[in-house]
């Protein structure tokens, strides 16, 4: 991966934390659409794939946090 994409990935990790679940899912859907078009270079495809993976991991973390919150509320336990 070139330096430009490395810097973009670093910036993305900072901005991921500011996204809502819905915003992250929307970005993920856009990435899937781009990847399905097949119009990118190999390097661009790898970059989009990595960005997508980061979004998936972020969304999973948010879902796990939500699940824990629901369990706490359902059980009445802290």
PDB file of N, CA and C in Angstrom:
ATOM      1  N   UNK A   1       0.857  -1.176   0.000  1.00  0.00           N
ATOM      2  CA  UNK A   1       0.000   0.000   0.000  1.00  0.00           C
ATOM      3  C   UNK A   1       0.900   1.235   0.000  1.00  0.00           C
ATOM      4  N   UNK A   2       0.543   2.227  -0.785  1.00  0.00           N
ATOM      5  CA  UNK A   2       1.367   3.420  -0.842  1.00  0.00           C
ATOM      6  C   UNK A   2       1.085   4.337   0.345  1.00  0.00           C
ATOM      7  N   UNK A   3       1.939   5.316   0.502  1.00  0.00           N
ATOM      8  CA  UNK A   3       1.870   6.232   1.649  1.00  0.00           C
ATOM      9  C   UNK A   3       0.530   6.974   1.704  1.00  0.00           C
ATOM     10  N   UNK A   4       0.005   7.358   0.556  1.00  0.00           N
ATOM     11  CA  UNK A   4      -1.273   8.076   0.496  1.00  0.00           C
ATOM     12  C   UNK A   4      -2.389   7.243   1.122  1.00  0.00           C
ATOM     13  N   UNK A   5      -2.433   5.971   0.769  1.00  0.00           N
ATOM     14  CA  UNK A   5      -3.470   5.105   1.314  1.00  0.00           C
ATOM     15  C   UNK A   5      -3.232   4.800   2.792  1.00  0.00           C
ATOM     16  N   UNK A   6      -1.968   4.702   3.204  1.00  0.00           N
ATOM     17  CA  UNK A   6      -1.665   4.483   4.618  1.00  0.00           C
ATOM     18  C   UNK A   6      -2.175   5.651   5.455  1.00  0.00           C
ATOM     19  N   UNK A   7      -1.922   6.868   4.992  1.00  0.00           N
ATOM     20  CA  UNK A   7      -2.392   8.049   5.711  1.00  0.00           C
ATOM     21  C   UNK A   7      -3.918   8.106   5.735  1.00  0.00           C
ATOM     22  N   UNK A   8      -4.539   7.746   4.641  1.00  0.00           N
ATOM     23  CA  UNK A   8      -6.001   7.750   4.580  1.00  0.00           C
ATOM     24  C   UNK A   8      -6.578   6.749   5.576  1.00  0.00           C
ATOM     25  N   UNK A   9      -5.957   5.584   5.699  1.00  0.00           N
ATOM     26  CA  UNK A   9      -6.433   4.582   6.649  1.00  0.00           C
ATOM     27  C   UNK A   9      -6.275   5.073   8.082  1.00  0.00           C
ATOM     28  N   UNK A  10      -5.176   5.756   8.377  1.00  0.00           N
ATOM     29  CA  UNK A  10      -4.978   6.307   9.712  1.00  0.00           C
ATOM     30  C   UNK A  10      -6.046   7.347  10.026  1.00  0.00           C
ATOM     31  N   UNK A  11      -6.323   8.218   9.067  1.00  0.00           N
ATOM     32  CA  UNK A  11      -7.358   9.231   9.267  1.00  0.00           C
ATOM     33  C   UNK A  11      -8.716   8.582   9.423  1.00  0.00           C
ATOM     34  N   UNK A  12      -8.971   7.513   8.683  1.00  0.00           N
ATOM     35  CA  UNK A  12     -10.246   6.818   8.778  1.00  0.00           C
ATOM     36  C   UNK A  12     -10.462   6.242  10.170  1.00  0.00           C
ATOM     37  N   UNK A  13      -9.401   5.741  10.790  1.00  0.00           N
ATOM     38  CA  UNK A  13      -9.561   5.160  12.120  1.00  0.00           C
ATOM     39  C   UNK A  13      -9.979   6.216  13.127  1.00  0.00           C
ATOM     40  N   UNK A  14      -9.535   7.455  12.930  1.00  0.00           N
ATOM     41  CA  UNK A  14      -9.948   8.536  13.819  1.00  0.00           C
ATOM     42  C   UNK A  14     -11.392   8.941  13.545  1.00  0.00           C
ATOM     43  N   UNK A  15     -11.783   8.958  12.293  1.00  0.00           N
ATOM     44  CA  UNK A  15     -13.137   9.380  11.953  1.00  0.00           C
ATOM     45  C   UNK A  15     -14.160   8.273  12.177  1.00  0.00           C
ATOM     46  N   UNK A  16     -13.728   7.025  12.199  1.00  0.00           N
ATOM     47  CA  UNK A  16     -14.653   5.926  12.462  1.00  0.00           C
ATOM     48  C   UNK A  16     -15.369   6.138  13.786  1.00  0.00           C
ATOM     49  N   UNK A  17     -14.626   6.542  14.780  1.00  0.00           N
ATOM     50  CA  UNK A  17     -15.185   6.698  16.118  1.00  0.00           C
ATOM     51  C   UNK A  17     -16.264   7.766  16.177  1.00  0.00           C
ATOM     52  N   UNK A  18     -16.290   8.659  15.198  1.00  0.00           N
ATOM     53  CA  UNK A  18     -17.303   9.718  15.197  1.00  0.00           C
ATOM     54  C   UNK A  18     -18.552   9.322  14.411  1.00  0.00           C
ATOM     55  N   UNK A  19     -18.519   8.155  13.764  1.00  0.00           N
ATOM     56  CA  UNK A  19     -19.658   7.719  12.954  1.00  0.00           C
ATOM     57  C   UNK A  19     -20.701   7.005  13.803  1.00  0.00           C
ATOM     58  N   UNK A  20     -21.946   7.221  13.444  1.00  0.00           N
ATOM     59  CA  UNK A  20     -23.005   6.411  14.039  1.00  0.00           C
ATOM     60  C   UNK A  20     -22.995   5.051  13.324  1.00  0.00           C
ATOM     61  N   UNK A  21     -23.722   4.107  13.892  1.00  0.00           N
ATOM     62  CA  UNK A  21     -23.823   2.795  13.259  1.00  0.00           C
ATOM     63  C   UNK A  21     -24.389   2.930  11.850  1.00  0.00           C
ATOM     64  N   UNK A  22     -25.432   3.740  11.718  1.00  0.00           N
ATOM     65  CA  UNK A  22     -26.091   3.914  10.423  1.00  0.00           C
ATOM     66  C   UNK A  22     -25.158   4.549   9.393  1.00  0.00           C
ATOM     67  N   UNK A  23     -24.367   5.531   9.823  1.00  0.00           N
ATOM     68  CA  UNK A  23     -23.415   6.171   8.908  1.00  0.00           C
ATOM     69  C   UNK A  23     -22.342   5.184   8.456  1.00  0.00           C
ATOM     70  N   UNK A  24     -21.863   4.381   9.390  1.00  0.00           N
ATOM     71  CA  UNK A  24     -20.848   3.377   9.056  1.00  0.00           C
ATOM     72  C   UNK A  24     -21.406   2.357   8.076  1.00  0.00           C
ATOM     73  N   UNK A  25     -22.637   1.935   8.296  1.00  0.00           N
ATOM     74  CA  UNK A  25     -23.263   0.977   7.380  1.00  0.00           C
ATOM     75  C   UNK A  25     -23.450   1.589   5.994  1.00  0.00           C
ATOM     76  N   UNK A  26     -23.806   2.850   5.945  1.00  0.00           N
ATOM     77  CA  UNK A  26     -23.974   3.522   4.657  1.00  0.00           C
ATOM     78  C   UNK A  26     -22.644   3.564   3.901  1.00  0.00           C
ATOM     79  N   UNK A  27     -21.560   3.887   4.617  1.00  0.00           N
ATOM     80  CA  UNK A  27     -20.244   3.898   3.970  1.00  0.00           C
ATOM     81  C   UNK A  27     -19.876   2.498   3.492  1.00  0.00           C
ATOM     82  N   UNK A  28     -20.193   1.509   4.285  1.00  0.00           N
ATOM     83  CA  UNK A  28     -19.894   0.125   3.912  1.00  0.00           C
ATOM     84  C   UNK A  28     -20.666  -0.272   2.654  1.00  0.00           C
ATOM     85  N   UNK A  29     -21.913   0.132   2.575  1.00  0.00           N
ATOM     86  CA  UNK A  29     -22.708  -0.153   1.376  1.00  0.00           C
ATOM     87  C   UNK A  29     -22.120   0.524   0.139  1.00  0.00           C
ATOM     88  N   UNK A  30     -21.622   1.738   0.304  1.00  0.00           N
ATOM     89  CA  UNK A  30     -20.995   2.440  -0.816  1.00  0.00           C
ATOM     90  C   UNK A  30     -19.733   1.715  -1.275  1.00  0.00           C
ATOM     91  N   UNK A  31     -18.964   1.221  -0.331  1.00  0.00           N
ATOM     92  CA  UNK A  31     -17.745   0.487  -0.666  1.00  0.00           C
ATOM     93  C   UNK A  31     -18.097  -0.794  -1.426  1.00  0.00           C
ATOM     94  N   UNK A  32     -19.101  -1.508  -0.959  1.00  0.00           N
ATOM     95  CA  UNK A  32     -19.520  -2.738  -1.640  1.00  0.00           C
ATOM     96  C   UNK A  32     -19.927  -2.429  -3.077  1.00  0.00           C
ATOM     97  N   UNK A  33     -20.682  -1.357  -3.258  1.00  0.00           N
ATOM     98  CA  UNK A  33     -21.106  -0.964  -4.600  1.00  0.00           C
ATOM     99  C   UNK A  33     -19.896  -0.662  -5.479  1.00  0.00           C
ATOM    100  N   UNK A  34     -18.927   0.053  -4.924  1.00  0.00           N
ATOM    101  CA  UNK A  34     -17.714   0.371  -5.692  1.00  0.00           C
ATOM    102  C   UNK A  34     -16.956  -0.902  -6.059  1.00  0.00           C
ATOM    103  N   UNK A  35     -16.818  -1.796  -5.093  1.00  0.00           N
ATOM    104  CA  UNK A  35     -16.086  -3.035  -5.358  1.00  0.00           C
ATOM    105  C   UNK A  35     -16.802  -3.892  -6.388  1.00  0.00           C
ATOM    106  N   UNK A  36     -18.121  -3.923  -6.315  1.00  0.00           N
ATOM    107  CA  UNK A  36     -18.887  -4.719  -7.274  1.00  0.00           C
ATOM    108  C   UNK A  36     -18.801  -4.172  -8.692  1.00  0.00           C
ATOM    109  N   UNK A  37     -18.529  -2.872  -8.820  1.00  0.00           N
ATOM    110  CA  UNK A  37     -18.434  -2.275 -10.158  1.00  0.00           C
ATOM    111  C   UNK A  37     -17.195  -2.774 -10.898  1.00  0.00           C
ATOM    112  N   UNK A  38     -16.150  -3.127 -10.139  1.00  0.00           N
ATOM    113  CA  UNK A  38     -14.931  -3.636 -10.741  1.00  0.00           C
ATOM    114  C   UNK A  38     -14.144  -2.609 -11.542  1.00  0.00           C
ATOM    115  N   UNK A  39     -14.385  -1.339 -11.286  1.00  0.00           N
ATOM    116  CA  UNK A  39     -13.732  -0.273 -12.056  1.00  0.00           C
ATOM    117  C   UNK A  39     -12.449   0.250 -11.413  1.00  0.00           C
ATOM    118  N   UNK A  40     -12.046  -0.308 -10.282  1.00  0.00           N
ATOM    119  CA  UNK A  40     -10.864   0.179  -9.578  1.00  0.00           C
ATOM    120  C   UNK A  40      -9.615  -0.599  -9.983  1.00  0.00           C
ATOM    121  N   UNK A  41      -8.484   0.050  -9.741  1.00  0.00           N
ATOM    122  CA  UNK A  41      -7.216  -0.649  -9.901  1.00  0.00           C
ATOM    123  C   UNK A  41      -7.079  -1.643  -8.752  1.00  0.00           C
ATOM    124  N   UNK A  42      -6.115  -2.514  -8.853  1.00  0.00           N
ATOM    125  CA  UNK A  42      -5.882  -3.477  -7.779  1.00  0.00           C
ATOM    126  C   UNK A  42      -5.593  -2.750  -6.473  1.00  0.00           C
ATOM    127  N   UNK A  43      -4.772  -1.730  -6.528  1.00  0.00           N
ATOM    128  CA  UNK A  43      -4.416  -0.992  -5.318  1.00  0.00           C
ATOM    129  C   UNK A  43      -5.642  -0.304  -4.707  1.00  0.00           C
ATOM    130  N   UNK A  44      -6.477   0.278  -5.541  1.00  0.00           N
ATOM    131  CA  UNK A  44      -7.699   0.914  -5.047  1.00  0.00           C
ATOM    132  C   UNK A  44      -8.645  -0.120  -4.443  1.00  0.00           C
ATOM    133  N   UNK A  45      -8.709  -1.280  -5.073  1.00  0.00           N
ATOM    134  CA  UNK A  45      -9.555  -2.360  -4.569  1.00  0.00           C
ATOM    135  C   UNK A  45      -9.082  -2.804  -3.193  1.00  0.00           C
ATOM    136  N   UNK A  46      -7.782  -2.969  -3.028  1.00  0.00           N
ATOM    137  CA  UNK A  46      -7.237  -3.363  -1.726  1.00  0.00           C
ATOM    138  C   UNK A  46      -7.518  -2.310  -0.665  1.00  0.00           C
ATOM    139  N   UNK A  47      -7.382  -1.049  -1.035  1.00  0.00           N
ATOM    140  CA  UNK A  47      -7.659   0.043  -0.108  1.00  0.00           C
ATOM    141  C   UNK A  47      -9.125   0.015   0.326  1.00  0.00           C
ATOM    142  N   UNK A  48     -10.023  -0.119  -0.636  1.00  0.00           N
ATOM    143  CA  UNK A  48     -11.452  -0.161  -0.318  1.00  0.00           C
ATOM    144  C   UNK A  48     -11.780  -1.377   0.552  1.00  0.00           C
ATOM    145  N   UNK A  49     -11.157  -2.497   0.256  1.00  0.00           N
ATOM    146  CA  UNK A  49     -11.387  -3.705   1.042  1.00  0.00           C
ATOM    147  C   UNK A  49     -10.961  -3.490   2.498  1.00  0.00           C
ATOM    148  N   UNK A  50      -9.778  -2.897   2.679  1.00  0.00           N
ATOM    149  CA  UNK A  50      -9.289  -2.637   4.033  1.00  0.00           C
ATOM    150  C   UNK A  50     -10.193  -1.656   4.771  1.00  0.00           C
ATOM    151  N   UNK A  51     -10.634  -0.634   4.072  1.00  0.00           N
ATOM    152  CA  UNK A  51     -11.538   0.334   4.683  1.00  0.00           C
ATOM    153  C   UNK A  51     -12.849  -0.355   5.059  1.00  0.00           C
ATOM    154  N   UNK A  52     -13.337  -1.210   4.193  1.00  0.00           N
ATOM    155  CA  UNK A  52     -14.551  -1.965   4.479  1.00  0.00           C
ATOM    156  C   UNK A  52     -14.397  -2.860   5.694  1.00  0.00           C
ATOM    157  N   UNK A  53     -13.261  -3.517   5.802  1.00  0.00           N
ATOM    158  CA  UNK A  53     -13.000  -4.389   6.948  1.00  0.00           C
ATOM    159  C   UNK A  53     -12.990  -3.584   8.249  1.00  0.00           C
ATOM    160  N   UNK A  54     -12.400  -2.399   8.202  1.00  0.00           N
ATOM    161  CA  UNK A  54     -12.376  -1.538   9.388  1.00  0.00           C
ATOM    162  C   UNK A  54     -13.795  -1.135   9.771  1.00  0.00           C
ATOM    163  N   UNK A  55     -14.617  -0.824   8.782  1.00  0.00           N
ATOM    164  CA  UNK A  55     -16.012  -0.465   9.051  1.00  0.00           C
ATOM    165  C   UNK A  55     -16.790  -1.644   9.632  1.00  0.00           C
ATOM    166  N   UNK A  56     -16.556  -2.832   9.109  1.00  0.00           N
ATOM    167  CA  UNK A  56     -17.225  -4.030   9.629  1.00  0.00           C
ATOM    168  C   UNK A  56     -16.853  -4.229  11.100  1.00  0.00           C
ATOM    169  N   UNK A  57     -15.582  -4.142  11.414  1.00  0.00           N
ATOM    170  CA  UNK A  57     -15.139  -4.324  12.805  1.00  0.00           C
ATOM    171  C   UNK A  57     -15.748  -3.271  13.722  1.00  0.00           C
ATOM    172  N   UNK A  58     -15.806  -2.032  13.245  1.00  0.00           N
ATOM    173  CA  UNK A  58     -16.389  -0.947  14.021  1.00  0.00           C
ATOM    174  C   UNK A  58     -17.878  -1.218  14.274  1.00  0.00           C
ATOM    175  N   UNK A  59     -18.600  -1.618  13.239  1.00  0.00           N
ATOM    176  CA  UNK A  59     -20.026  -1.912  13.380  1.00  0.00           C
ATOM    177  C   UNK A  59     -20.250  -3.076  14.342  1.00  0.00           C
ATOM    178  N   UNK A  60     -19.413  -4.086  14.270  1.00  0.00           N
ATOM    179  CA  UNK A  60     -19.535  -5.215  15.192  1.00  0.00           C
ATOM    180  C   UNK A  60     -19.333  -4.776  16.640  1.00  0.00           C
ATOM    181  N   UNK A  61     -18.357  -3.899  16.863  1.00  0.00           N
ATOM    182  CA  UNK A  61     -18.125  -3.373  18.215  1.00  0.00           C
ATOM    183  C   UNK A  61     -19.359  -2.624  18.716  1.00  0.00           C
ATOM    184  N   UNK A  62     -19.940  -1.791  17.849  1.00  0.00           N
ATOM    185  CA  UNK A  62     -21.135  -1.042  18.247  1.00  0.00           C
ATOM    186  C   UNK A  62     -22.297  -1.983  18.566  1.00  0.00           C
ATOM    187  N   UNK A  63     -22.458  -3.025  17.763  1.00  0.00           N
ATOM    188  CA  UNK A  63     -23.527  -3.992  18.019  1.00  0.00           C
ATOM    189  C   UNK A  63     -23.305  -4.752  19.324  1.00  0.00           C
ATOM    190  N   UNK A  64     -22.067  -5.111  19.599  1.00  0.00           N
ATOM    191  CA  UNK A  64     -21.761  -5.798  20.858  1.00  0.00           C
ATOM    192  C   UNK A  64     -22.062  -4.904  22.051  1.00  0.00           C
ATOM    193  N   UNK A  65     -21.710  -3.615  21.928  1.00  0.00           N
ATOM    194  CA  UNK A  65     -22.004  -2.669  23.015  1.00  0.00           C
ATOM    195  C   UNK A  65     -23.509  -2.525  23.216  1.00  0.00           C
ATOM    196  N   UNK A  66     -24.242  -2.463  22.121  1.00  0.00           N
ATOM    197  CA  UNK A  66     -25.698  -2.346  22.209  1.00  0.00           C
ATOM    198  C   UNK A  66     -26.295  -3.596  22.849  1.00  0.00           C
ATOM    199  N   UNK A  67     -25.777  -4.754  22.466  1.00  0.00           N
ATOM    200  CA  UNK A  67     -26.274  -6.007  23.032  1.00  0.00           C
ATOM    201  C   UNK A  67     -26.036  -6.057  24.544  1.00  0.00           C
ATOM    202  N   UNK A  68     -24.854  -5.627  24.973  1.00  0.00           N
ATOM    203  CA  UNK A  68     -24.560  -5.600  26.411  1.00  0.00           C
ATOM    204  C   UNK A  68     -25.506  -4.663  27.142  1.00  0.00           C
ATOM    205  N   UNK A  69     -25.783  -3.529  26.549  1.00  0.00           N
ATOM    206  CA  UNK A  69     -26.693  -2.566  27.162  1.00  0.00           C
ATOM    207  C   UNK A  69     -28.092  -3.157  27.291  1.00  0.00           C
ATOM    208  N   UNK A  70     -28.564  -3.813  26.244  1.00  0.00           N
ATOM    209  CA  UNK A  70     -29.892  -4.431  26.276  1.00  0.00           C
ATOM    210  C   UNK A  70     -29.942  -5.525  27.338  1.00  0.00           C
ATOM    211  N   UNK A  71     -28.901  -6.318  27.416  1.00  0.00           N
ATOM    212  CA  UNK A  71     -28.870  -7.385  28.434  1.00  0.00           C
ATOM    213  C   UNK A  71     -28.928  -6.810  29.837  1.00  0.00           C
ATOM    214  N   UNK A  72     -28.162  -5.745  30.058  1.00  0.00           N
ATOM    215  CA  UNK A  72     -28.161  -5.107  31.381  1.00  0.00           C
ATOM    216  C   UNK A  72     -29.547  -4.582  31.720  1.00  0.00           C
ATOM    217  N   UNK A  73     -30.178  -3.962  30.754  1.00  0.00           N
ATOM    218  CA  UNK A  73     -31.514  -3.403  30.991  1.00  0.00           C
ATOM    219  C   UNK A  73     -32.549  -4.510  31.185  1.00  0.00           C
ATOM    220  N   UNK A  74     -32.415  -5.592  30.438  1.00  0.00           N
ATOM    221  CA  UNK A  74     -33.359  -6.706  30.524  1.00  0.00           C
ATOM    222  C   UNK A  74     -33.214  -7.461  31.839  1.00  0.00           C
ATOM    223  N   UNK A  75     -31.986  -7.625  32.275  1.00  0.00           N
ATOM    224  CA  UNK A  75     -31.714  -8.369  33.507  1.00  0.00           C
ATOM    225  C   UNK A  75     -31.884  -7.494  34.748  1.00  0.00           C
ATOM    226  N   UNK A  76     -31.867  -6.200  34.554  1.00  0.00           N
ATOM    227  CA  UNK A  76     -31.942  -5.307  35.697  1.00  0.00           C
ATOM    228  C   UNK A  76     -30.666  -5.302  36.515  1.00  0.00           C
ATOM    229  N   UNK A  77     -29.588  -5.776  35.883  1.00  0.00           N
ATOM    230  CA  UNK A  77     -28.290  -5.837  36.575  1.00  0.00           C
ATOM    231  C   UNK A  77     -27.342  -4.831  35.938  1.00  0.00           C
ATOM    232  N   UNK A  78     -26.472  -4.250  36.749  1.00  0.00           N
ATOM    233  CA  UNK A  78     -25.499  -3.280  36.197  1.00  0.00           C
ATOM    234  C   UNK A  78     -24.442  -3.935  35.338  1.00  0.00           C
TER     235      UNK A  78
END
